[in-house]
Amino acid sequence: KIFHPKRHILCYNHTSMKKTAGKYRYSLILLRELVKTD
């Protein structure tokens, strides 16, 4: 959170974006493994 005199601005840095992509990649890998197991 970066505090501005008039409002709060929620900023996501580059690292968080990469980690967010990693989360969905993890979900896709898990989905693939579950389908193969089924």
ModelCIF file with pLDDT and N, C-alpha, C, O atoms, coordinates in Angstrom:
data_MODEL
#
_entry.id   MODEL 
#
_entity.id                         1 
_entity.type                       polymer 
_entity.pdbx_number_of_molecules   1 
#
_entity_poly.entity_id                      1 
_entity_poly.type                           'polypeptide(L)' 
_entity_poly.nstd_linkage                   no 
_entity_poly.nstd_monomer                   no 
_entity_poly.pdbx_seq_one_letter_code       KIFHPKRHILCYNHTSMKKTAGKYRYSLILLRELVKTD 
_entity_poly.pdbx_seq_one_letter_code_can   KIFHPKRHILCYNHTSMKKTAGKYRYSLILLRELVKTD 
_entity_poly.pdbx_strand_id                 A 
#
loop_
_entity_poly_seq.entity_id 
_entity_poly_seq.num 
_entity_poly_seq.mon_id 
_entity_poly_seq.hetero 
1 1  LYS n 
1 2  ILE n 
1 3  PHE n 
1 4  HIS n 
1 5  PRO n 
1 6  LYS n 
1 7  ARG n 
1 8  HIS n 
1 9  ILE n 
1 10 LEU n 
1 11 CYS n 
1 12 TYR n 
1 13 ASN n 
1 14 HIS n 
1 15 THR n 
1 16 SER n 
1 17 MET n 
1 18 LYS n 
1 19 LYS n 
1 20 THR n 
1 21 ALA n 
1 22 GLY n 
1 23 LYS n 
1 24 TYR n 
1 25 ARG n 
1 26 TYR n 
1 27 SER n 
1 28 LEU n 
1 29 ILE n 
1 30 LEU n 
1 31 LEU n 
1 32 ARG n 
1 33 GLU n 
1 34 LEU n 
1 35 VAL n 
1 36 LYS n 
1 37 THR n 
1 38 ASP n 
#
_struct_asym.id          A 
_struct_asym.entity_id   1 
#
loop_
_ma_qa_metric.id 
_ma_qa_metric.mode 
_ma_qa_metric.name 
_ma_qa_metric.software_group_id 
_ma_qa_metric.type 
1 global pLDDT . pLDDT 
2 local  pLDDT . pLDDT 
#
_ma_qa_metric_global.metric_id      1 
_ma_qa_metric_global.metric_value   57.76 
_ma_qa_metric_global.model_id       1 
_ma_qa_metric_global.ordinal_id     1 
#
loop_
_ma_qa_metric_local.label_asym_id 
_ma_qa_metric_local.label_comp_id 
_ma_qa_metric_local.label_seq_id 
_ma_qa_metric_local.metric_id 
_ma_qa_metric_local.metric_value 
_ma_qa_metric_local.model_id 
_ma_qa_metric_local.ordinal_id 
A LYS 1  2 37.00 1 1  
A ILE 2  2 32.00 1 2  
A PHE 3  2 35.00 1 3  
A HIS 4  2 41.00 1 4  
A PRO 5  2 39.00 1 5  
A LYS 6  2 41.00 1 6  
A ARG 7  2 40.00 1 7  
A HIS 8  2 42.00 1 8  
A ILE 9  2 39.00 1 9  
A LEU 10 2 41.00 1 10 
A CYS 11 2 41.00 1 11 
A TYR 12 2 45.00 1 12 
A ASN 13 2 47.00 1 13 
A HIS 14 2 50.00 1 14 
A THR 15 2 55.00 1 15 
A SER 16 2 53.00 1 16 
A MET 17 2 53.00 1 17 
A LYS 18 2 55.00 1 18 
A LYS 19 2 54.00 1 19 
A THR 20 2 53.00 1 20 
A ALA 21 2 54.00 1 21 
A GLY 22 2 59.00 1 22 
A LYS 23 2 58.00 1 23 
A TYR 24 2 66.00 1 24 
A ARG 25 2 75.00 1 25 
A TYR 26 2 69.00 1 26 
A SER 27 2 72.00 1 27 
A LEU 28 2 78.00 1 28 
A ILE 29 2 79.00 1 29 
A LEU 30 2 77.00 1 30 
A LEU 31 2 77.00 1 31 
A ARG 32 2 79.00 1 32 
A GLU 33 2 79.00 1 33 
A LEU 34 2 79.00 1 34 
A VAL 35 2 79.00 1 35 
A LYS 36 2 75.00 1 36 
A THR 37 2 74.00 1 37 
A ASP 38 2 73.00 1 38 
#
loop_
_atom_site.group_PDB 
_atom_site.id 
_atom_site.type_symbol 
_atom_site.label_atom_id 
_atom_site.label_alt_id 
_atom_site.label_comp_id 
_atom_site.label_asym_id 
_atom_site.label_entity_id 
_atom_site.label_seq_id 
_atom_site.pdbx_PDB_ins_code 
_atom_site.Cartn_x 
_atom_site.Cartn_y 
_atom_site.Cartn_z 
_atom_site.occupancy 
_atom_site.B_iso_or_equiv 
_atom_site.pdbx_formal_charge 
_atom_site.auth_seq_id 
_atom_site.auth_comp_id 
_atom_site.auth_asym_id 
_atom_site.auth_atom_id 
_atom_site.pdbx_PDB_model_num 
ATOM 1   N N  . LYS A 1 1  ? 0.842   -1.197  0.000   1.00 37.00 ? 1  LYS A N  1 
ATOM 2   C CA . LYS A 1 1  ? 0.000   0.000   0.000   1.00 37.00 ? 1  LYS A CA 1 
ATOM 3   C C  . LYS A 1 1  ? 0.877   1.248   0.000   1.00 37.00 ? 1  LYS A C  1 
ATOM 4   O O  . LYS A 1 1  ? 1.769   1.397   0.835   1.00 37.00 ? 1  LYS A O  1 
ATOM 5   N N  . ILE A 1 2  ? 0.616   2.112   -0.923  1.00 32.00 ? 2  ILE A N  1 
ATOM 6   C CA . ILE A 1 2  ? 1.318   3.386   -0.974  1.00 32.00 ? 2  ILE A CA 1 
ATOM 7   C C  . ILE A 1 2  ? 0.327   4.472   -0.571  1.00 32.00 ? 2  ILE A C  1 
ATOM 8   O O  . ILE A 1 2  ? -0.709  4.644   -1.214  1.00 32.00 ? 2  ILE A O  1 
ATOM 9   N N  . PHE A 1 3  ? 0.638   5.185   0.469   1.00 35.00 ? 3  PHE A N  1 
ATOM 10  C CA . PHE A 1 3  ? -0.292  6.167   0.990   1.00 35.00 ? 3  PHE A CA 1 
ATOM 11  C C  . PHE A 1 3  ? -0.129  7.495   0.250   1.00 35.00 ? 3  PHE A C  1 
ATOM 12  O O  . PHE A 1 3  ? 0.963   8.058   0.182   1.00 35.00 ? 3  PHE A O  1 
ATOM 13  N N  . HIS A 1 4  ? -1.192  7.957   -0.277  1.00 41.00 ? 4  HIS A N  1 
ATOM 14  C CA . HIS A 1 4  ? -1.248  9.225   -0.989  1.00 41.00 ? 4  HIS A CA 1 
ATOM 15  C C  . HIS A 1 4  ? -1.988  10.207  -0.107  1.00 41.00 ? 4  HIS A C  1 
ATOM 16  O O  . HIS A 1 4  ? -2.847  9.798   0.674   1.00 41.00 ? 4  HIS A O  1 
ATOM 17  N N  . PRO A 1 5  ? -1.688  11.469  -0.205  1.00 39.00 ? 5  PRO A N  1 
ATOM 18  C CA . PRO A 1 5  ? -2.394  12.449  0.641   1.00 39.00 ? 5  PRO A CA 1 
ATOM 19  C C  . PRO A 1 5  ? -3.906  12.381  0.510   1.00 39.00 ? 5  PRO A C  1 
ATOM 20  O O  . PRO A 1 5  ? -4.617  12.680  1.469   1.00 39.00 ? 5  PRO A O  1 
ATOM 21  N N  . LYS A 1 6  ? -4.415  11.994  -0.659  1.00 41.00 ? 6  LYS A N  1 
ATOM 22  C CA . LYS A 1 6  ? -5.862  12.009  -0.856  1.00 41.00 ? 6  LYS A CA 1 
ATOM 23  C C  . LYS A 1 6  ? -6.487  10.618  -0.827  1.00 41.00 ? 6  LYS A C  1 
ATOM 24  O O  . LYS A 1 6  ? -7.655  10.477  -0.466  1.00 41.00 ? 6  LYS A O  1 
ATOM 25  N N  . ARG A 1 7  ? -5.721  9.579   -1.206  1.00 40.00 ? 7  ARG A N  1 
ATOM 26  C CA . ARG A 1 7  ? -6.312  8.237   -1.249  1.00 40.00 ? 7  ARG A CA 1 
ATOM 27  C C  . ARG A 1 7  ? -5.212  7.194   -1.130  1.00 40.00 ? 7  ARG A C  1 
ATOM 28  O O  . ARG A 1 7  ? -4.028  7.483   -1.305  1.00 40.00 ? 7  ARG A O  1 
ATOM 29  N N  . HIS A 1 8  ? -5.650  5.944   -0.820  1.00 42.00 ? 8  HIS A N  1 
ATOM 30  C CA . HIS A 1 8  ? -4.727  4.821   -0.774  1.00 42.00 ? 8  HIS A CA 1 
ATOM 31  C C  . HIS A 1 8  ? -4.689  4.162   -2.151  1.00 42.00 ? 8  HIS A C  1 
ATOM 32  O O  . HIS A 1 8  ? -5.728  3.962   -2.779  1.00 42.00 ? 8  HIS A O  1 
ATOM 33  N N  . ILE A 1 9  ? -3.522  3.836   -2.601  1.00 39.00 ? 9  ILE A N  1 
ATOM 34  C CA . ILE A 1 9  ? -3.360  3.168   -3.888  1.00 39.00 ? 9  ILE A CA 1 
ATOM 35  C C  . ILE A 1 9  ? -2.763  1.794   -3.654  1.00 39.00 ? 9  ILE A C  1 
ATOM 36  O O  . ILE A 1 9  ? -1.725  1.663   -3.005  1.00 39.00 ? 9  ILE A O  1 
ATOM 37  N N  . LEU A 1 10 ? -3.425  0.753   -4.190  1.00 41.00 ? 10 LEU A N  1 
ATOM 38  C CA . LEU A 1 10 ? -2.948  -0.614  -4.017  1.00 41.00 ? 10 LEU A CA 1 
ATOM 39  C C  . LEU A 1 10 ? -2.104  -0.984  -5.227  1.00 41.00 ? 10 LEU A C  1 
ATOM 40  O O  . LEU A 1 10 ? -2.608  -1.066  -6.346  1.00 41.00 ? 10 LEU A O  1 
ATOM 41  N N  . CYS A 1 11 ? -0.827  -1.203  -4.996  1.00 41.00 ? 11 CYS A N  1 
ATOM 42  C CA . CYS A 1 11 ? 0.099   -1.478  -6.083  1.00 41.00 ? 11 CYS A CA 1 
ATOM 43  C C  . CYS A 1 11 ? 0.625   -2.901  -5.970  1.00 41.00 ? 11 CYS A C  1 
ATOM 44  O O  . CYS A 1 11 ? 1.016   -3.342  -4.889  1.00 41.00 ? 11 CYS A O  1 
ATOM 45  N N  . TYR A 1 12 ? 0.634   -3.598  -7.061  1.00 45.00 ? 12 TYR A N  1 
ATOM 46  C CA . TYR A 1 12 ? 1.205   -4.928  -7.100  1.00 45.00 ? 12 TYR A CA 1 
ATOM 47  C C  . TYR A 1 12 ? 2.539   -4.855  -7.838  1.00 45.00 ? 12 TYR A C  1 
ATOM 48  O O  . TYR A 1 12 ? 2.584   -4.439  -8.996  1.00 45.00 ? 12 TYR A O  1 
ATOM 49  N N  . ASN A 1 13 ? 3.597   -5.245  -7.194  1.00 47.00 ? 13 ASN A N  1 
ATOM 50  C CA . ASN A 1 13 ? 4.896   -5.186  -7.859  1.00 47.00 ? 13 ASN A CA 1 
ATOM 51  C C  . ASN A 1 13 ? 5.082   -6.350  -8.805  1.00 47.00 ? 13 ASN A C  1 
ATOM 52  O O  . ASN A 1 13 ? 4.258   -7.263  -8.859  1.00 47.00 ? 13 ASN A O  1 
ATOM 53  N N  . HIS A 1 14 ? 6.168   -6.310  -9.547  1.00 50.00 ? 14 HIS A N  1 
ATOM 54  C CA . HIS A 1 14 ? 6.422   -7.304  -10.587 1.00 50.00 ? 14 HIS A CA 1 
ATOM 55  C C  . HIS A 1 14 ? 6.533   -8.709  -10.004 1.00 50.00 ? 14 HIS A C  1 
ATOM 56  O O  . HIS A 1 14 ? 6.116   -9.683  -10.631 1.00 50.00 ? 14 HIS A O  1 
ATOM 57  N N  . THR A 1 15 ? 7.088   -8.806  -8.820  1.00 55.00 ? 15 THR A N  1 
ATOM 58  C CA . THR A 1 15 ? 7.253   -10.114 -8.182  1.00 55.00 ? 15 THR A CA 1 
ATOM 59  C C  . THR A 1 15 ? 5.914   -10.756 -7.876  1.00 55.00 ? 15 THR A C  1 
ATOM 60  O O  . THR A 1 15 ? 5.732   -11.956 -8.078  1.00 55.00 ? 15 THR A O  1 
ATOM 61  N N  . SER A 1 16 ? 4.972   -9.952  -7.385  1.00 53.00 ? 16 SER A N  1 
ATOM 62  C CA . SER A 1 16 ? 3.652   -10.495 -7.048  1.00 53.00 ? 16 SER A CA 1 
ATOM 63  C C  . SER A 1 16 ? 2.933   -11.002 -8.291  1.00 53.00 ? 16 SER A C  1 
ATOM 64  O O  . SER A 1 16 ? 2.218   -12.002 -8.236  1.00 53.00 ? 16 SER A O  1 
ATOM 65  N N  . MET A 1 17 ? 3.127   -10.303 -9.424  1.00 53.00 ? 17 MET A N  1 
ATOM 66  C CA . MET A 1 17 ? 2.496   -10.734 -10.665 1.00 53.00 ? 17 MET A CA 1 
ATOM 67  C C  . MET A 1 17 ? 3.063   -12.081 -11.109 1.00 53.00 ? 17 MET A C  1 
ATOM 68  O O  . MET A 1 17 ? 2.325   -12.940 -11.591 1.00 53.00 ? 17 MET A O  1 
ATOM 69  N N  . LYS A 1 18 ? 4.363   -12.261 -10.947 1.00 55.00 ? 18 LYS A N  1 
ATOM 70  C CA . LYS A 1 18 ? 4.982   -13.529 -11.308 1.00 55.00 ? 18 LYS A CA 1 
ATOM 71  C C  . LYS A 1 18 ? 4.491   -14.651 -10.397 1.00 55.00 ? 18 LYS A C  1 
ATOM 72  O O  . LYS A 1 18 ? 4.279   -15.779 -10.843 1.00 55.00 ? 18 LYS A O  1 
ATOM 73  N N  . LYS A 1 19 ? 4.313   -14.329 -9.120  1.00 54.00 ? 19 LYS A N  1 
ATOM 74  C CA . LYS A 1 19 ? 3.847   -15.340 -8.186  1.00 54.00 ? 19 LYS A CA 1 
ATOM 75  C C  . LYS A 1 19 ? 2.379   -15.687 -8.434  1.00 54.00 ? 19 LYS A C  1 
ATOM 76  O O  . LYS A 1 19 ? 1.961   -16.831 -8.259  1.00 54.00 ? 19 LYS A O  1 
ATOM 77  N N  . THR A 1 20 ? 1.602   -14.677 -8.846  1.00 53.00 ? 20 THR A N  1 
ATOM 78  C CA . THR A 1 20 ? 0.201   -14.939 -9.185  1.00 53.00 ? 20 THR A CA 1 
ATOM 79  C C  . THR A 1 20 ? 0.115   -15.883 -10.375 1.00 53.00 ? 20 THR A C  1 
ATOM 80  O O  . THR A 1 20 ? -0.689  -16.815 -10.392 1.00 53.00 ? 20 THR A O  1 
ATOM 81  N N  . ALA A 1 21 ? 0.966   -15.622 -11.380 1.00 54.00 ? 21 ALA A N  1 
ATOM 82  C CA . ALA A 1 21 ? 1.010   -16.521 -12.537 1.00 54.00 ? 21 ALA A CA 1 
ATOM 83  C C  . ALA A 1 21 ? 1.440   -17.918 -12.094 1.00 54.00 ? 21 ALA A C  1 
ATOM 84  O O  . ALA A 1 21 ? 0.960   -18.920 -12.625 1.00 54.00 ? 21 ALA A O  1 
ATOM 85  N N  . GLY A 1 22 ? 2.345   -17.978 -11.122 1.00 59.00 ? 22 GLY A N  1 
ATOM 86  C CA . GLY A 1 22 ? 2.796   -19.264 -10.606 1.00 59.00 ? 22 GLY A CA 1 
ATOM 87  C C  . GLY A 1 22 ? 1.679   -20.036 -9.941  1.00 59.00 ? 22 GLY A C  1 
ATOM 88  O O  . GLY A 1 22 ? 1.639   -21.264 -10.008 1.00 59.00 ? 22 GLY A O  1 
ATOM 89  N N  . LYS A 1 23 ? 0.764   -19.316 -9.294  1.00 58.00 ? 23 LYS A N  1 
ATOM 90  C CA . LYS A 1 23 ? -0.354  -19.980 -8.623  1.00 58.00 ? 23 LYS A CA 1 
ATOM 91  C C  . LYS A 1 23 ? -1.270  -20.658 -9.634  1.00 58.00 ? 23 LYS A C  1 
ATOM 92  O O  . LYS A 1 23 ? -1.692  -21.798 -9.437  1.00 58.00 ? 23 LYS A O  1 
ATOM 93  N N  . TYR A 1 24 ? -1.573  -19.950 -10.716 1.00 66.00 ? 24 TYR A N  1 
ATOM 94  C CA . TYR A 1 24 ? -2.435  -20.547 -11.727 1.00 66.00 ? 24 TYR A CA 1 
ATOM 95  C C  . TYR A 1 24 ? -1.725  -21.681 -12.456 1.00 66.00 ? 24 TYR A C  1 
ATOM 96  O O  . TYR A 1 24 ? -2.358  -22.658 -12.859 1.00 66.00 ? 24 TYR A O  1 
ATOM 97  N N  . ARG A 1 25 ? -0.418  -21.553 -12.625 1.00 75.00 ? 25 ARG A N  1 
ATOM 98  C CA . ARG A 1 25 ? 0.352   -22.624 -13.234 1.00 75.00 ? 25 ARG A CA 1 
ATOM 99  C C  . ARG A 1 25 ? 0.310   -23.869 -12.356 1.00 75.00 ? 25 ARG A C  1 
ATOM 100 O O  . ARG A 1 25 ? 0.202   -24.991 -12.850 1.00 75.00 ? 25 ARG A O  1 
ATOM 101 N N  . TYR A 1 26 ? 0.395   -23.653 -11.051 1.00 69.00 ? 26 TYR A N  1 
ATOM 102 C CA . TYR A 1 26 ? 0.303   -24.760 -10.083 1.00 69.00 ? 26 TYR A CA 1 
ATOM 103 C C  . TYR A 1 26 ? -1.064  -25.430 -10.179 1.00 69.00 ? 26 TYR A C  1 
ATOM 104 O O  . TYR A 1 26 ? -1.161  -26.656 -10.135 1.00 69.00 ? 26 TYR A O  1 
ATOM 105 N N  . SER A 1 27 ? -2.129  -24.619 -10.311 1.00 72.00 ? 27 SER A N  1 
ATOM 106 C CA . SER A 1 27 ? -3.486  -25.169 -10.416 1.00 72.00 ? 27 SER A CA 1 
ATOM 107 C C  . SER A 1 27 ? -3.651  -25.997 -11.687 1.00 72.00 ? 27 SER A C  1 
ATOM 108 O O  . SER A 1 27 ? -4.293  -27.047 -11.674 1.00 72.00 ? 27 SER A O  1 
ATOM 109 N N  . LEU A 1 28 ? -3.065  -25.518 -12.785 1.00 78.00 ? 28 LEU A N  1 
ATOM 110 C CA . LEU A 1 28 ? -3.164  -26.249 -14.043 1.00 78.00 ? 28 LEU A CA 1 
ATOM 111 C C  . LEU A 1 28 ? -2.417  -27.582 -13.971 1.00 78.00 ? 28 LEU A C  1 
ATOM 112 O O  . LEU A 1 28 ? -2.887  -28.595 -14.490 1.00 78.00 ? 28 LEU A O  1 
ATOM 113 N N  . ILE A 1 29 ? -1.250  -27.569 -13.323 1.00 79.00 ? 29 ILE A N  1 
ATOM 114 C CA . ILE A 1 29 ? -0.490  -28.806 -13.157 1.00 79.00 ? 29 ILE A CA 1 
ATOM 115 C C  . ILE A 1 29 ? -1.280  -29.803 -12.323 1.00 79.00 ? 29 ILE A C  1 
ATOM 116 O O  . ILE A 1 29 ? -1.332  -30.991 -12.642 1.00 79.00 ? 29 ILE A O  1 
ATOM 117 N N  . LEU A 1 30 ? -1.901  -29.305 -11.242 1.00 77.00 ? 30 LEU A N  1 
ATOM 118 C CA . LEU A 1 30 ? -2.709  -30.167 -10.384 1.00 77.00 ? 30 LEU A CA 1 
ATOM 119 C C  . LEU A 1 30 ? -3.911  -30.719 -11.135 1.00 77.00 ? 30 LEU A C  1 
ATOM 120 O O  . LEU A 1 30 ? -4.261  -31.889 -10.987 1.00 77.00 ? 30 LEU A O  1 
ATOM 121 N N  . LEU A 1 31 ? -4.544  -29.868 -11.944 1.00 77.00 ? 31 LEU A N  1 
ATOM 122 C CA . LEU A 1 31 ? -5.687  -30.307 -12.746 1.00 77.00 ? 31 LEU A CA 1 
ATOM 123 C C  . LEU A 1 31 ? -5.270  -31.408 -13.716 1.00 77.00 ? 31 LEU A C  1 
ATOM 124 O O  . LEU A 1 31 ? -5.975  -32.406 -13.865 1.00 77.00 ? 31 LEU A O  1 
ATOM 125 N N  . ARG A 1 32 ? -4.138  -31.232 -14.368 1.00 79.00 ? 32 ARG A N  1 
ATOM 126 C CA . ARG A 1 32 ? -3.645  -32.227 -15.314 1.00 79.00 ? 32 ARG A CA 1 
ATOM 127 C C  . ARG A 1 32 ? -3.382  -33.567 -14.634 1.00 79.00 ? 32 ARG A C  1 
ATOM 128 O O  . ARG A 1 32 ? -3.718  -34.621 -15.173 1.00 79.00 ? 32 ARG A O  1 
ATOM 129 N N  . GLU A 1 33 ? -2.784  -33.520 -13.458 1.00 79.00 ? 33 GLU A N  1 
ATOM 130 C CA . GLU A 1 33 ? -2.471  -34.757 -12.746 1.00 79.00 ? 33 GLU A CA 1 
ATOM 131 C C  . GLU A 1 33 ? -3.740  -35.465 -12.278 1.00 79.00 ? 33 GLU A C  1 
ATOM 132 O O  . GLU A 1 33 ? -3.809  -36.694 -12.302 1.00 79.00 ? 33 GLU A O  1 
ATOM 133 N N  . LEU A 1 34 ? -4.743  -34.696 -11.853 1.00 79.00 ? 34 LEU A N  1 
ATOM 134 C CA . LEU A 1 34 ? -6.001  -35.297 -11.417 1.00 79.00 ? 34 LEU A CA 1 
ATOM 135 C C  . LEU A 1 34 ? -6.719  -35.965 -12.587 1.00 79.00 ? 34 LEU A C  1 
ATOM 136 O O  . LEU A 1 34 ? -7.290  -37.045 -12.437 1.00 79.00 ? 34 LEU A O  1 
ATOM 137 N N  . VAL A 1 35 ? -6.687  -35.315 -13.755 1.00 79.00 ? 35 VAL A N  1 
ATOM 138 C CA . VAL A 1 35 ? -7.320  -35.890 -14.943 1.00 79.00 ? 35 VAL A CA 1 
ATOM 139 C C  . VAL A 1 35 ? -6.624  -37.190 -15.336 1.00 79.00 ? 35 VAL A C  1 
ATOM 140 O O  . VAL A 1 35 ? -7.282  -38.182 -15.649 1.00 79.00 ? 35 VAL A O  1 
ATOM 141 N N  . LYS A 1 36 ? -5.288  -37.183 -15.318 1.00 75.00 ? 36 LYS A N  1 
ATOM 142 C CA . LYS A 1 36 ? -4.528  -38.390 -15.646 1.00 75.00 ? 36 LYS A CA 1 
ATOM 143 C C  . LYS A 1 36 ? -4.836  -39.517 -14.662 1.00 75.00 ? 36 LYS A C  1 
ATOM 144 O O  . LYS A 1 36 ? -4.974  -40.675 -15.057 1.00 75.00 ? 36 LYS A O  1 
ATOM 145 N N  . THR A 1 37 ? -4.943  -39.165 -13.364 1.00 74.00 ? 37 THR A N  1 
ATOM 146 C CA . THR A 1 37 ? -5.247  -40.169 -12.350 1.00 74.00 ? 37 THR A CA 1 
ATOM 147 C C  . THR A 1 37 ? -6.641  -40.751 -12.550 1.00 74.00 ? 37 THR A C  1 
ATOM 148 O O  . THR A 1 37 ? -6.839  -41.958 -12.414 1.00 74.00 ? 37 THR A O  1 
ATOM 149 N N  . ASP A 1 38 ? -7.617  -39.882 -12.877 1.00 73.00 ? 38 ASP A N  1 
ATOM 150 C CA . ASP A 1 38 ? -8.985  -40.349 -13.131 1.00 73.00 ? 38 ASP A CA 1 
ATOM 151 C C  . ASP A 1 38 ? -9.012  -41.373 -14.263 1.00 73.00 ? 38 ASP A C  1 
ATOM 152 O O  . ASP A 1 38 ? -10.079 -41.875 -14.615 1.00 73.00 ? 38 ASP A O  1 
#
